[in-house]
Amino acid sequence: MPVPHAKALSPARRPGRLLIACTTVLLIVGPTAAAPAIAADSVSYDFESPSRKLPFIAINGFGRSSSGPRPGGRPGQAARVNIPNDGRSSKSELVIKNLDSGSHRFSFADYLPGDWQERDLDTIVAQWFSTQDDGGGIKPVVALSVHGGDWQLKVHWMSHGEIQEAVIPLGAARLGHWNRWTFDITWSSADRPGSIAVMRDGVAVGSHQGANNYHRGDPPHFRIGAYRPNWRPGKGPSKRAGASEAVLFLDDIAITSTTAGARPDALPTAPGGAASPSKSPALAPGPTPTGPPSASSSTPAGEAPVGGAAALAGGAFVLLRRRDATGSPRGGLRRSRT
C-alpha cells in the first residue's frame, strides 16, 4: 500500500504545532502521573452533607458524636464529640479502616473550646491503631494528645518483645482556635525504617525517624475524636475527680496515599512549636527515611499534596467530594457502640 505523503511544516508554523502537541501531552500525561495519589484508600469528610457516607463511630459508654454549626466564627458544619464524666464513658471516635501499610498524608482540623479544662492526663484526639493477631489490647502505634496545656505525640514500636515509646512535644495548645494538622507517615516494616513529619497550621512542629509500628497484625487504621484512657472504668474514680466532660470539634478530614519519602510543604518553624525530631533504634538497611520538613508554602488541611500534575488531580478529587455535598442540609452523624 502506498505511504501517504507527509506534508512538511514551514518554519513559521512549527512553533504553533509544537505548542499544541506539548499541551496535548500534558493534558494526557498529567492525570495519569497523578493517579497514584488517588488510591482506593484516599478519602475525605467535611460534614456538610447528610448524603455523604461517614466513617464508623466507636463510642464507649455514653459519649456522643453529632454535627452542627462550626465554632470559631467560620460558616459551615463540623463534627462535635464529647465524653461525659459518668464513670463509664471514655471515648467517642470516628474510625477509618482499610488503609494499606504504605505512605499516607493525614490532614484534619480540630478545635478545643475556650472552656477546655487542662488535665495532667492524656486526652487522645487522633490515633493510629494496629489491631493485633490475637485481638488483644495494645497501645496505639501513634497518638496525638493534649496533656496539660500542651500537644504531644507518642510513637510506639516493639523491641525484643517489649513496647518502646518516644514522646515528642508539639507546642502549646491554643483554646478557641482551629488547629490545622498534617501528618505525613510512612509506616516501618521489620526491615525498613519509617518516618513521621508533623505540621500544625502550616508550621513544622515535630518528626520521628525509624520504627513506628509493631510489624505484626493489621496495618494501622485511623481514629479521630476524643479518648481518655484513664477514664476507662477499670482505672477507678480517682482519675475522674474534679474533671468536666471532654468536648471538642473536628472538620476537614482527608487521607491521601502518597509516595514514600514525600516531604510536606511547611513554613519555617514558629516559636513555641519547635520541631522535635525523635529516633527509634535503627532497623536493617532499607530506604532512607524522610528528613525534616522543608521550608515552603503551607498546604491547607483537606487538600492533596502540592506538586505539578499531582496537585491538579488531587485538588480535583477533593473538589468533587465537596461538590457532591453542595446544597444539601446537614443531618446527624450515625452512632454505634463498641
C-alpha atoms as a PDB file:
ATOM      1  CA  MET A   1       0.000   0.000   0.000  1.00  0.00           C
ATOM      2  CA  PRO A   2       1.455   3.410  -0.889  1.00  0.00           C
ATOM      3  CA  VAL A   3       2.512   5.510   2.051  1.00  0.00           C
ATOM      4  CA  PRO A   4       0.667   8.871   2.166  1.00  0.00           C
ATOM      5  CA  HIS A   5       2.900  11.834   1.539  1.00  0.00           C
ATOM      6  CA  ALA A   6       3.690  13.767   4.712  1.00  0.00           C
ATOM      7  CA  LYS A   7       3.415  17.489   4.194  1.00  0.00           C
ATOM      8  CA  ALA A   8       6.370  19.354   5.646  1.00  0.00           C
ATOM      9  CA  LEU A   9       5.663  22.220   8.047  1.00  0.00           C
ATOM     10  CA  SER A  10       7.014  25.622   7.231  1.00  0.00           C
ATOM     11  CA  PRO A  11       9.375  27.092   9.828  1.00  0.00           C
ATOM     12  CA  ALA A  12       6.759  29.721  10.686  1.00  0.00           C
ATOM     13  CA  ARG A  13       4.109  27.084  11.545  1.00  0.00           C
ATOM     14  CA  ARG A  14       6.316  24.681  13.509  1.00  0.00           C
ATOM     15  CA  PRO A  15       6.227  26.542  16.884  1.00  0.00           C
ATOM     16  CA  GLY A  16       2.438  26.666  16.861  1.00  0.00           C
ATOM     17  CA  ARG A  17       2.076  22.967  16.084  1.00  0.00           C
ATOM     18  CA  LEU A  18       4.714  22.148  18.709  1.00  0.00           C
ATOM     19  CA  LEU A  19       2.834  24.128  21.358  1.00  0.00           C
ATOM     20  CA  ILE A  20      -0.397  22.267  20.567  1.00  0.00           C
ATOM     21  CA  ALA A  21       1.395  18.902  20.739  1.00  0.00           C
ATOM     22  CA  CYS A  22       3.009  19.720  24.087  1.00  0.00           C
ATOM     23  CA  THR A  23      -0.297  20.908  25.538  1.00  0.00           C
ATOM     24  CA  THR A  24      -1.985  17.693  24.414  1.00  0.00           C
ATOM     25  CA  VAL A  25       0.736  15.581  26.030  1.00  0.00           C
ATOM     26  CA  LEU A  26       0.387  17.489  29.309  1.00  0.00           C
ATOM     27  CA  LEU A  27      -3.368  17.015  29.339  1.00  0.00           C
ATOM     28  CA  ILE A  28      -2.993  13.283  28.757  1.00  0.00           C
ATOM     29  CA  VAL A  29       0.029  12.571  30.936  1.00  0.00           C
ATOM     30  CA  GLY A  30      -0.903  14.881  33.843  1.00  0.00           C
ATOM     31  CA  PRO A  31      -3.840  12.883  35.254  1.00  0.00           C
ATOM     32  CA  THR A  32      -2.008   9.618  34.596  1.00  0.00           C
ATOM     33  CA  ALA A  33       1.039  10.750  36.567  1.00  0.00           C
ATOM     34  CA  ALA A  34      -1.165  11.868  39.469  1.00  0.00           C
ATOM     35  CA  ALA A  35      -3.140   8.623  39.660  1.00  0.00           C
ATOM     36  CA  PRO A  36      -1.064   7.022  42.481  1.00  0.00           C
ATOM     37  CA  ALA A  37      -2.069   9.901  44.788  1.00  0.00           C
ATOM     38  CA  ILE A  38      -5.769   8.969  44.412  1.00  0.00           C
ATOM     39  CA  ALA A  39      -5.705   5.376  45.568  1.00  0.00           C
ATOM     40  CA  ALA A  40      -8.641   3.359  46.860  1.00  0.00           C
ATOM     41  CA  ASP A  41      -7.887   4.331  50.454  1.00  0.00           C
ATOM     42  CA  SER A  42      -7.882   8.090  49.772  1.00  0.00           C
ATOM     43  CA  VAL A  43     -10.956   9.614  51.452  1.00  0.00           C
ATOM     44  CA  SER A  44     -12.237  12.955  52.753  1.00  0.00           C
ATOM     45  CA  TYR A  45     -15.003  14.117  55.096  1.00  0.00           C
ATOM     46  CA  ASP A  46     -16.219  17.696  55.583  1.00  0.00           C
ATOM     47  CA  PHE A  47     -19.555  17.056  57.407  1.00  0.00           C
ATOM     48  CA  GLU A  48     -21.541  19.332  55.081  1.00  0.00           C
ATOM     49  CA  SER A  49     -23.969  16.802  53.594  1.00  0.00           C
ATOM     50  CA  PRO A  50     -26.211  14.117  55.140  1.00  0.00           C
ATOM     51  CA  SER A  51     -25.917  12.087  51.918  1.00  0.00           C
ATOM     52  CA  ARG A  52     -22.149  11.705  52.344  1.00  0.00           C
ATOM     53  CA  LYS A  53     -21.296   8.325  53.853  1.00  0.00           C
ATOM     54  CA  LEU A  54     -19.446   8.873  57.126  1.00  0.00           C
ATOM     55  CA  PRO A  55     -16.913   6.720  58.979  1.00  0.00           C
ATOM     56  CA  PHE A  56     -17.870   4.161  61.602  1.00  0.00           C
ATOM     57  CA  ILE A  57     -18.278   5.764  65.029  1.00  0.00           C
ATOM     58  CA  ALA A  58     -16.893   3.971  68.102  1.00  0.00           C
ATOM     59  CA  ILE A  59     -18.396   5.005  71.443  1.00  0.00           C
ATOM     60  CA  ASN A  60     -17.572   3.614  74.851  1.00  0.00           C
ATOM     61  CA  GLY A  61     -20.242   4.313  77.485  1.00  0.00           C
ATOM     62  CA  PHE A  62     -22.457   7.328  76.810  1.00  0.00           C
ATOM     63  CA  GLY A  63     -20.283   9.527  74.635  1.00  0.00           C
ATOM     64  CA  ARG A  64     -21.903  11.292  71.705  1.00  0.00           C
ATOM     65  CA  SER A  65     -20.990  12.275  68.137  1.00  0.00           C
ATOM     66  CA  SER A  66     -23.114  14.819  66.313  1.00  0.00           C
ATOM     67  CA  SER A  67     -22.802  17.640  63.810  1.00  0.00           C
ATOM     68  CA  GLY A  68     -23.732  21.284  63.874  1.00  0.00           C
ATOM     69  CA  PRO A  69     -22.525  24.844  63.232  1.00  0.00           C
ATOM     70  CA  ARG A  70     -18.798  25.314  63.181  1.00  0.00           C
ATOM     71  CA  PRO A  71     -17.464  27.199  66.231  1.00  0.00           C
ATOM     72  CA  GLY A  72     -14.874  29.933  65.960  1.00  0.00           C
ATOM     73  CA  GLY A  73     -16.764  32.289  63.642  1.00  0.00           C
ATOM     74  CA  ARG A  74     -16.366  30.384  60.372  1.00  0.00           C
ATOM     75  CA  PRO A  75     -19.503  29.269  58.466  1.00  0.00           C
ATOM     76  CA  GLY A  76     -20.254  25.637  57.744  1.00  0.00           C
ATOM     77  CA  GLN A  77     -20.695  22.400  59.669  1.00  0.00           C
ATOM     78  CA  ALA A  78     -18.338  20.448  61.910  1.00  0.00           C
ATOM     79  CA  ALA A  79     -18.461  17.270  63.949  1.00  0.00           C
ATOM     80  CA  ARG A  80     -18.800  17.556  67.729  1.00  0.00           C
ATOM     81  CA  VAL A  81     -17.653  14.738  70.005  1.00  0.00           C
ATOM     82  CA  ASN A  82     -17.942  14.559  73.776  1.00  0.00           C
ATOM     83  CA  ILE A  83     -17.245  12.166  76.646  1.00  0.00           C
ATOM     84  CA  PRO A  84     -19.267  12.713  79.850  1.00  0.00           C
ATOM     85  CA  ASN A  85     -17.625  12.151  83.222  1.00  0.00           C
ATOM     86  CA  ASP A  86     -20.120   9.481  84.298  1.00  0.00           C
ATOM     87  CA  GLY A  87     -17.863   6.647  85.450  1.00  0.00           C
ATOM     88  CA  ARG A  88     -18.489   4.574  82.307  1.00  0.00           C
ATOM     89  CA  SER A  89     -17.563   6.660  79.264  1.00  0.00           C
ATOM     90  CA  SER A  90     -14.031   7.008  77.889  1.00  0.00           C
ATOM     91  CA  LYS A  91     -14.170   7.541  74.112  1.00  0.00           C
ATOM     92  CA  SER A  92     -16.095   8.900  71.137  1.00  0.00           C
ATOM     93  CA  GLU A  93     -14.147   8.415  67.902  1.00  0.00           C
ATOM     94  CA  LEU A  94     -14.593   8.263  64.135  1.00  0.00           C
ATOM     95  CA  VAL A  95     -12.836   5.176  62.771  1.00  0.00           C
ATOM     96  CA  ILE A  96     -11.401   4.908  59.232  1.00  0.00           C
ATOM     97  CA  LYS A  97     -10.125   1.439  58.317  1.00  0.00           C
ATOM     98  CA  ASN A  98      -8.920  -0.413  55.210  1.00  0.00           C
ATOM     99  CA  LEU A  99      -5.734   1.626  54.854  1.00  0.00           C
ATOM    100  CA  ASP A 100      -2.646  -0.085  53.478  1.00  0.00           C
ATOM    101  CA  SER A 101       0.757  -0.275  55.161  1.00  0.00           C
ATOM    102  CA  GLY A 102       2.479   2.209  52.826  1.00  0.00           C
ATOM    103  CA  SER A 103       2.646   6.014  52.983  1.00  0.00           C
ATOM    104  CA  HIS A 104      -0.202   8.476  53.589  1.00  0.00           C
ATOM    105  CA  ARG A 105      -0.881  12.120  54.296  1.00  0.00           C
ATOM    106  CA  PHE A 106      -3.452  12.637  57.056  1.00  0.00           C
ATOM    107  CA  SER A 107      -4.964  16.124  57.225  1.00  0.00           C
ATOM    108  CA  PHE A 108      -7.611  17.305  59.659  1.00  0.00           C
ATOM    109  CA  ALA A 109      -8.688  20.233  61.807  1.00  0.00           C
ATOM    110  CA  ASP A 110      -9.651  20.204  65.482  1.00  0.00           C
ATOM    111  CA  TYR A 111     -10.903  22.843  67.898  1.00  0.00           C
ATOM    112  CA  LEU A 112     -10.597  22.934  71.684  1.00  0.00           C
ATOM    113  CA  PRO A 113     -13.301  25.235  73.106  1.00  0.00           C
ATOM    114  CA  GLY A 114     -12.364  28.149  75.339  1.00  0.00           C
ATOM    115  CA  ASP A 115     -13.581  26.353  78.468  1.00  0.00           C
ATOM    116  CA  TRP A 116     -11.392  23.293  77.821  1.00  0.00           C
ATOM    117  CA  GLN A 117     -10.116  22.024  81.188  1.00  0.00           C
ATOM    118  CA  GLU A 118      -6.396  21.337  81.406  1.00  0.00           C
ATOM    119  CA  ARG A 119      -5.617  17.949  82.936  1.00  0.00           C
ATOM    120  CA  ASP A 120      -2.298  16.255  83.658  1.00  0.00           C
ATOM    121  CA  LEU A 121      -3.619  13.163  81.863  1.00  0.00           C
ATOM    122  CA  ASP A 122      -3.775  12.422  78.142  1.00  0.00           C
ATOM    123  CA  THR A 123      -6.807  13.224  76.029  1.00  0.00           C
ATOM    124  CA  ILE A 124      -6.077  11.488  72.732  1.00  0.00           C
ATOM    125  CA  VAL A 125      -7.611  13.359  69.785  1.00  0.00           C
ATOM    126  CA  ALA A 126      -6.143  11.276  66.931  1.00  0.00           C
ATOM    127  CA  GLN A 127      -4.528   7.851  66.951  1.00  0.00           C
ATOM    128  CA  TRP A 128      -3.274   5.218  64.560  1.00  0.00           C
ATOM    129  CA  PHE A 129      -4.106   1.787  65.905  1.00  0.00           C
ATOM    130  CA  SER A 130      -2.867  -1.634  64.796  1.00  0.00           C
ATOM    131  CA  THR A 131      -5.262  -4.475  65.630  1.00  0.00           C
ATOM    132  CA  GLN A 132      -3.148  -7.444  66.711  1.00  0.00           C
ATOM    133  CA  ASP A 133      -3.388 -11.041  65.543  1.00  0.00           C
ATOM    134  CA  ASP A 134      -4.677 -12.208  68.932  1.00  0.00           C
ATOM    135  CA  GLY A 135      -7.187  -9.346  69.147  1.00  0.00           C
ATOM    136  CA  GLY A 136      -5.673  -8.207  72.425  1.00  0.00           C
ATOM    137  CA  GLY A 137      -5.433  -4.602  73.542  1.00  0.00           C
ATOM    138  CA  ILE A 138      -2.207  -2.752  72.904  1.00  0.00           C
ATOM    139  CA  LYS A 139      -1.087   0.873  72.823  1.00  0.00           C
ATOM    140  CA  PRO A 140      -1.688   2.807  69.582  1.00  0.00           C
ATOM    141  CA  VAL A 141       1.369   2.922  67.338  1.00  0.00           C
ATOM    142  CA  VAL A 142       0.997   6.725  67.086  1.00  0.00           C
ATOM    143  CA  ALA A 143      -1.173   9.025  69.224  1.00  0.00           C
ATOM    144  CA  LEU A 144      -1.735  12.801  69.191  1.00  0.00           C
ATOM    145  CA  SER A 145      -2.942  14.072  72.556  1.00  0.00           C
ATOM    146  CA  VAL A 146      -3.451  17.086  74.777  1.00  0.00           C
ATOM    147  CA  HIS A 147      -1.555  16.732  78.043  1.00  0.00           C
ATOM    148  CA  GLY A 148      -1.971  19.623  80.466  1.00  0.00           C
ATOM    149  CA  GLY A 149      -1.740  22.713  78.275  1.00  0.00           C
ATOM    150  CA  ASP A 150       0.418  21.171  75.548  1.00  0.00           C
ATOM    151  CA  TRP A 151       0.187  18.999  72.458  1.00  0.00           C
ATOM    152  CA  GLN A 152       2.306  15.877  72.338  1.00  0.00           C
ATOM    153  CA  LEU A 153       2.877  12.893  70.077  1.00  0.00           C
ATOM    154  CA  LYS A 154       3.607   9.380  71.309  1.00  0.00           C
ATOM    155  CA  VAL A 155       5.175   6.789  68.983  1.00  0.00           C
ATOM    156  CA  HIS A 156       5.342   3.092  69.900  1.00  0.00           C
ATOM    157  CA  TRP A 157       7.202   0.113  68.454  1.00  0.00           C
ATOM    158  CA  MET A 158       8.266  -3.344  69.586  1.00  0.00           C
ATOM    159  CA  SER A 159      11.815  -4.337  70.558  1.00  0.00           C
ATOM    160  CA  HIS A 160      12.651  -7.813  71.924  1.00  0.00           C
ATOM    161  CA  GLY A 161       9.003  -8.364  72.799  1.00  0.00           C
ATOM    162  CA  GLU A 162       8.682  -5.090  74.752  1.00  0.00           C
ATOM    163  CA  ILE A 163       6.803  -1.945  73.696  1.00  0.00           C
ATOM    164  CA  GLN A 164       9.063   1.086  73.335  1.00  0.00           C
ATOM    165  CA  GLU A 165       7.829   4.692  73.432  1.00  0.00           C
ATOM    166  CA  ALA A 166       9.017   8.084  72.188  1.00  0.00           C
ATOM    167  CA  VAL A 167       7.267  11.248  73.426  1.00  0.00           C
ATOM    168  CA  ILE A 168       7.553  14.255  71.106  1.00  0.00           C
ATOM    169  CA  PRO A 169       6.397  17.708  72.337  1.00  0.00           C
ATOM    170  CA  LEU A 170       4.454  19.673  69.706  1.00  0.00           C
ATOM    171  CA  GLY A 171       3.972  23.042  71.422  1.00  0.00           C
ATOM    172  CA  ALA A 172       1.308  24.786  73.481  1.00  0.00           C
ATOM    173  CA  ALA A 173      -2.377  24.120  72.879  1.00  0.00           C
ATOM    174  CA  ARG A 174      -4.427  27.215  71.974  1.00  0.00           C
ATOM    175  CA  LEU A 175      -8.038  27.251  73.130  1.00  0.00           C
ATOM    176  CA  GLY A 176     -10.787  28.673  70.916  1.00  0.00           C
ATOM    177  CA  HIS A 177      -8.598  28.092  67.842  1.00  0.00           C
ATOM    178  CA  TRP A 178      -8.887  25.753  64.835  1.00  0.00           C
ATOM    179  CA  ASN A 179      -5.692  23.689  64.582  1.00  0.00           C
ATOM    180  CA  ARG A 180      -4.829  22.515  61.058  1.00  0.00           C
ATOM    181  CA  TRP A 181      -2.819  19.298  61.301  1.00  0.00           C
ATOM    182  CA  THR A 182      -0.902  17.411  58.622  1.00  0.00           C
ATOM    183  CA  PHE A 183       0.810  14.088  59.317  1.00  0.00           C
ATOM    184  CA  ASP A 184       2.981  12.570  56.586  1.00  0.00           C
ATOM    185  CA  ILE A 185       3.519   8.963  57.668  1.00  0.00           C
ATOM    186  CA  THR A 186       5.476   6.142  56.081  1.00  0.00           C
ATOM    187  CA  TRP A 187       4.988   3.008  58.140  1.00  0.00           C
ATOM    188  CA  SER A 188       8.053   0.996  59.033  1.00  0.00           C
ATOM    189  CA  SER A 189       8.381  -2.724  58.417  1.00  0.00           C
ATOM    190  CA  ALA A 190      10.615  -5.352  60.008  1.00  0.00           C
ATOM    191  CA  ASP A 191      13.459  -4.464  57.621  1.00  0.00           C
ATOM    192  CA  ARG A 192      12.628  -0.895  56.569  1.00  0.00           C
ATOM    193  CA  PRO A 193      12.590   2.279  58.713  1.00  0.00           C
ATOM    194  CA  GLY A 194       9.599   4.576  58.648  1.00  0.00           C
ATOM    195  CA  SER A 195       9.067   8.296  59.146  1.00  0.00           C
ATOM    196  CA  ILE A 196       6.583  10.779  60.588  1.00  0.00           C
ATOM    197  CA  ALA A 197       6.537  14.522  59.845  1.00  0.00           C
ATOM    198  CA  VAL A 198       4.021  16.750  61.648  1.00  0.00           C
ATOM    199  CA  MET A 199       2.764  20.226  60.774  1.00  0.00           C
ATOM    200  CA  ARG A 200       0.339  22.425  62.701  1.00  0.00           C
ATOM    201  CA  ASP A 201      -1.107  25.470  60.953  1.00  0.00           C
ATOM    202  CA  GLY A 202       1.431  25.075  58.159  1.00  0.00           C
ATOM    203  CA  VAL A 203       4.422  25.009  60.528  1.00  0.00           C
ATOM    204  CA  ALA A 204       6.725  22.011  61.139  1.00  0.00           C
ATOM    205  CA  VAL A 205       6.361  21.050  64.815  1.00  0.00           C
ATOM    206  CA  GLY A 206       7.795  17.537  65.120  1.00  0.00           C
ATOM    207  CA  SER A 207       9.188  14.443  63.408  1.00  0.00           C
ATOM    208  CA  HIS A 208      10.221  10.866  64.088  1.00  0.00           C
ATOM    209  CA  GLN A 209      12.545   8.568  62.150  1.00  0.00           C
ATOM    210  CA  GLY A 210      12.823   4.777  62.424  1.00  0.00           C
ATOM    211  CA  ALA A 211      10.430   2.131  63.741  1.00  0.00           C
ATOM    212  CA  ASN A 212       6.853   3.370  64.164  1.00  0.00           C
ATOM    213  CA  ASN A 213       4.879   0.124  64.017  1.00  0.00           C
ATOM    214  CA  TYR A 214       4.668  -3.258  65.746  1.00  0.00           C
ATOM    215  CA  HIS A 215       5.284  -5.133  62.466  1.00  0.00           C
ATOM    216  CA  ARG A 216       2.522  -7.602  63.192  1.00  0.00           C
ATOM    217  CA  GLY A 217      -1.253  -7.640  62.981  1.00  0.00           C
ATOM    218  CA  ASP A 218      -3.259  -5.420  60.636  1.00  0.00           C
ATOM    219  CA  PRO A 219      -1.909  -2.191  59.080  1.00  0.00           C
ATOM    220  CA  PRO A 220      -2.639   0.795  61.338  1.00  0.00           C
ATOM    221  CA  HIS A 221      -6.083   2.337  60.938  1.00  0.00           C
ATOM    222  CA  PHE A 222      -7.054   5.914  61.829  1.00  0.00           C
ATOM    223  CA  ARG A 223      -9.199   7.056  64.749  1.00  0.00           C
ATOM    224  CA  ILE A 224     -10.088  10.692  65.421  1.00  0.00           C
ATOM    225  CA  GLY A 225     -12.227  12.192  68.175  1.00  0.00           C
ATOM    226  CA  ALA A 226     -11.773  12.094  71.942  1.00  0.00           C
ATOM    227  CA  TYR A 227     -10.381   9.255  74.049  1.00  0.00           C
ATOM    228  CA  ARG A 228      -9.340   9.390  77.704  1.00  0.00           C
ATOM    229  CA  PRO A 229      -7.588   6.094  78.556  1.00  0.00           C
ATOM    230  CA  ASN A 230      -7.556   6.966  82.258  1.00  0.00           C
ATOM    231  CA  TRP A 231     -11.357   7.231  82.245  1.00  0.00           C
ATOM    232  CA  ARG A 232     -11.806   3.551  81.445  1.00  0.00           C
ATOM    233  CA  PRO A 233     -13.956   2.007  84.214  1.00  0.00           C
ATOM    234  CA  GLY A 234     -11.141  -0.265  85.364  1.00  0.00           C
ATOM    235  CA  LYS A 235      -8.938   2.734  86.217  1.00  0.00           C
ATOM    236  CA  GLY A 236     -11.060   3.772  89.212  1.00  0.00           C
ATOM    237  CA  PRO A 237     -12.709   7.083  90.181  1.00  0.00           C
ATOM    238  CA  SER A 238      -9.545   8.962  91.218  1.00  0.00           C
ATOM    239  CA  LYS A 239      -8.659   9.777  87.589  1.00  0.00           C
ATOM    240  CA  ARG A 240     -12.045  11.460  87.082  1.00  0.00           C
ATOM    241  CA  ALA A 241     -12.140  13.527  90.264  1.00  0.00           C
ATOM    242  CA  GLY A 242     -12.866  17.194  89.563  1.00  0.00           C
ATOM    243  CA  ALA A 243     -12.908  16.755  85.772  1.00  0.00           C
ATOM    244  CA  SER A 244     -15.538  18.139  83.417  1.00  0.00           C
ATOM    245  CA  GLU A 245     -16.719  16.332  80.286  1.00  0.00           C
ATOM    246  CA  ALA A 246     -14.380  16.356  77.274  1.00  0.00           C
ATOM    247  CA  VAL A 247     -15.798  18.263  74.279  1.00  0.00           C
ATOM    248  CA  LEU A 248     -14.016  19.063  71.011  1.00  0.00           C
ATOM    249  CA  PHE A 249     -14.839  19.703  67.350  1.00  0.00           C
ATOM    250  CA  LEU A 250     -13.475  18.114  64.137  1.00  0.00           C
ATOM    251  CA  ASP A 251     -13.538  19.068  60.468  1.00  0.00           C
ATOM    252  CA  ASP A 252     -11.870  18.674  57.056  1.00  0.00           C
ATOM    253  CA  ILE A 253     -10.567  15.130  57.417  1.00  0.00           C
ATOM    254  CA  ALA A 254      -8.602  13.957  54.368  1.00  0.00           C
ATOM    255  CA  ILE A 255      -6.432  10.871  53.877  1.00  0.00           C
ATOM    256  CA  THR A 256      -4.325  10.612  50.722  1.00  0.00           C
ATOM    257  CA  SER A 257      -1.968   7.852  49.625  1.00  0.00           C
ATOM    258  CA  THR A 258       1.473   9.307  48.949  1.00  0.00           C
ATOM    259  CA  THR A 259       4.919   8.257  47.796  1.00  0.00           C
ATOM    260  CA  ALA A 260       7.331   7.079  50.484  1.00  0.00           C
ATOM    261  CA  GLY A 261       9.668   9.883  51.453  1.00  0.00           C
ATOM    262  CA  ALA A 262       7.298  12.659  50.334  1.00  0.00           C
ATOM    263  CA  ARG A 263       8.099  15.860  52.189  1.00  0.00           C
ATOM    264  CA  PRO A 264       5.297  18.121  53.447  1.00  0.00           C
ATOM    265  CA  ASP A 265       5.209  21.758  52.387  1.00  0.00           C
ATOM    266  CA  ALA A 266       5.966  23.640  55.586  1.00  0.00           C
ATOM    267  CA  LEU A 267       6.528  27.183  56.715  1.00  0.00           C
ATOM    268  CA  PRO A 268       9.557  27.872  58.941  1.00  0.00           C
ATOM    269  CA  THR A 269       9.136  26.547  62.463  1.00  0.00           C
ATOM    270  CA  ALA A 270       7.461  29.121  64.712  1.00  0.00           C
ATOM    271  CA  PRO A 271       8.382  29.982  68.317  1.00  0.00           C
ATOM    272  CA  GLY A 272       6.608  27.726  70.807  1.00  0.00           C
ATOM    273  CA  GLY A 273       6.279  24.946  68.258  1.00  0.00           C
ATOM    274  CA  ALA A 274       9.852  23.882  67.679  1.00  0.00           C
ATOM    275  CA  ALA A 275      10.248  20.745  65.627  1.00  0.00           C
ATOM    276  CA  SER A 276      11.298  17.904  67.913  1.00  0.00           C
ATOM    277  CA  PRO A 277      12.998  15.087  65.999  1.00  0.00           C
ATOM    278  CA  SER A 278      12.900  11.630  67.530  1.00  0.00           C
ATOM    279  CA  LYS A 279      14.583   8.390  66.542  1.00  0.00           C
ATOM    280  CA  SER A 280      13.885   4.775  67.325  1.00  0.00           C
ATOM    281  CA  PRO A 281      16.673   2.170  67.106  1.00  0.00           C
ATOM    282  CA  ALA A 282      17.990   1.603  63.598  1.00  0.00           C
ATOM    283  CA  LEU A 283      16.471  -1.223  61.594  1.00  0.00           C
ATOM    284  CA  ALA A 284      18.079  -3.339  58.903  1.00  0.00           C
ATOM    285  CA  PRO A 285      19.324  -1.362  55.876  1.00  0.00           C
ATOM    286  CA  GLY A 286      16.493  -0.018  53.753  1.00  0.00           C
ATOM    287  CA  PRO A 287      15.281   3.149  52.031  1.00  0.00           C
ATOM    288  CA  THR A 288      16.451   6.365  53.646  1.00  0.00           C
ATOM    289  CA  PRO A 289      13.660   7.672  55.932  1.00  0.00           C
ATOM    290  CA  THR A 290      12.081  11.066  55.396  1.00  0.00           C
ATOM    291  CA  GLY A 291      14.086  14.021  56.646  1.00  0.00           C
ATOM    292  CA  PRO A 292      12.763  17.116  58.413  1.00  0.00           C
ATOM    293  CA  PRO A 293      10.135  19.126  56.538  1.00  0.00           C
ATOM    294  CA  SER A 294      11.482  21.688  54.106  1.00  0.00           C
ATOM    295  CA  ALA A 295      10.629  25.387  54.214  1.00  0.00           C
ATOM    296  CA  SER A 296       7.991  26.201  51.631  1.00  0.00           C
ATOM    297  CA  SER A 297       4.384  27.340  51.358  1.00  0.00           C
ATOM    298  CA  SER A 298       1.771  25.654  53.550  1.00  0.00           C
ATOM    299  CA  THR A 299      -0.835  23.142  52.381  1.00  0.00           C
ATOM    300  CA  PRO A 300      -4.342  23.665  53.812  1.00  0.00           C
ATOM    301  CA  ALA A 301      -5.915  20.685  55.538  1.00  0.00           C
ATOM    302  CA  GLY A 302      -8.098  18.640  53.266  1.00  0.00           C
ATOM    303  CA  GLU A 303      -6.002  19.124  50.129  1.00  0.00           C
ATOM    304  CA  ALA A 304      -3.819  16.661  48.274  1.00  0.00           C
ATOM    305  CA  PRO A 305      -0.030  17.157  48.249  1.00  0.00           C
ATOM    306  CA  VAL A 306       1.107  20.008  46.042  1.00  0.00           C
ATOM    307  CA  GLY A 307       3.275  19.137  43.068  1.00  0.00           C
ATOM    308  CA  GLY A 308       2.562  19.750  39.369  1.00  0.00           C
ATOM    309  CA  ALA A 309       0.041  17.445  37.756  1.00  0.00           C
ATOM    310  CA  ALA A 310      -0.423  15.532  41.024  1.00  0.00           C
ATOM    311  CA  ALA A 311      -1.743  18.717  42.635  1.00  0.00           C
ATOM    312  CA  LEU A 312      -4.324  19.174  39.861  1.00  0.00           C
ATOM    313  CA  ALA A 313      -5.618  15.632  40.164  1.00  0.00           C
ATOM    314  CA  GLY A 314      -5.548  15.649  43.961  1.00  0.00           C
ATOM    315  CA  GLY A 315      -7.329  19.006  44.075  1.00  0.00           C
ATOM    316  CA  ALA A 316      -9.980  17.771  41.658  1.00  0.00           C
ATOM    317  CA  PHE A 317     -10.563  14.744  43.897  1.00  0.00           C
ATOM    318  CA  VAL A 318     -11.282  16.916  46.935  1.00  0.00           C
ATOM    319  CA  LEU A 319     -13.368  19.415  44.961  1.00  0.00           C
ATOM    320  CA  LEU A 320     -15.525  16.647  43.522  1.00  0.00           C
ATOM    321  CA  ARG A 321     -16.096  15.321  47.019  1.00  0.00           C
ATOM    322  CA  ARG A 322     -17.189  18.765  48.193  1.00  0.00           C
ATOM    323  CA  ARG A 323     -19.346  19.464  45.106  1.00  0.00           C
ATOM    324  CA  ASP A 324     -21.336  16.307  45.835  1.00  0.00           C
ATOM    325  CA  ALA A 325     -22.212  17.799  49.226  1.00  0.00           C
ATOM    326  CA  THR A 326     -23.210  21.295  47.979  1.00  0.00           C
ATOM    327  CA  GLY A 327     -26.704  22.473  48.646  1.00  0.00           C
ATOM    328  CA  SER A 328     -27.820  19.667  50.950  1.00  0.00           C
ATOM    329  CA  PRO A 329     -28.992  20.245  54.572  1.00  0.00           C
ATOM    330  CA  ARG A 330     -26.862  18.647  57.243  1.00  0.00           C
ATOM    331  CA  GLY A 331     -28.074  15.641  59.223  1.00  0.00           C
ATOM    332  CA  GLY A 332     -26.725  14.000  62.348  1.00  0.00           C
ATOM    333  CA  LEU A 333     -23.883  11.523  62.444  1.00  0.00           C
ATOM    334  CA  ARG A 334     -24.545   7.850  62.841  1.00  0.00           C
ATOM    335  CA  ARG A 335     -23.852   6.380  66.250  1.00  0.00           C
ATOM    336  CA  SER A 336     -22.519   2.925  67.057  1.00  0.00           C
ATOM    337  CA  ARG A 337     -21.109   1.257  70.127  1.00  0.00           C
ATOM    338  CA  THR A 338     -18.061  -0.977  70.537  1.00  0.00           C
END
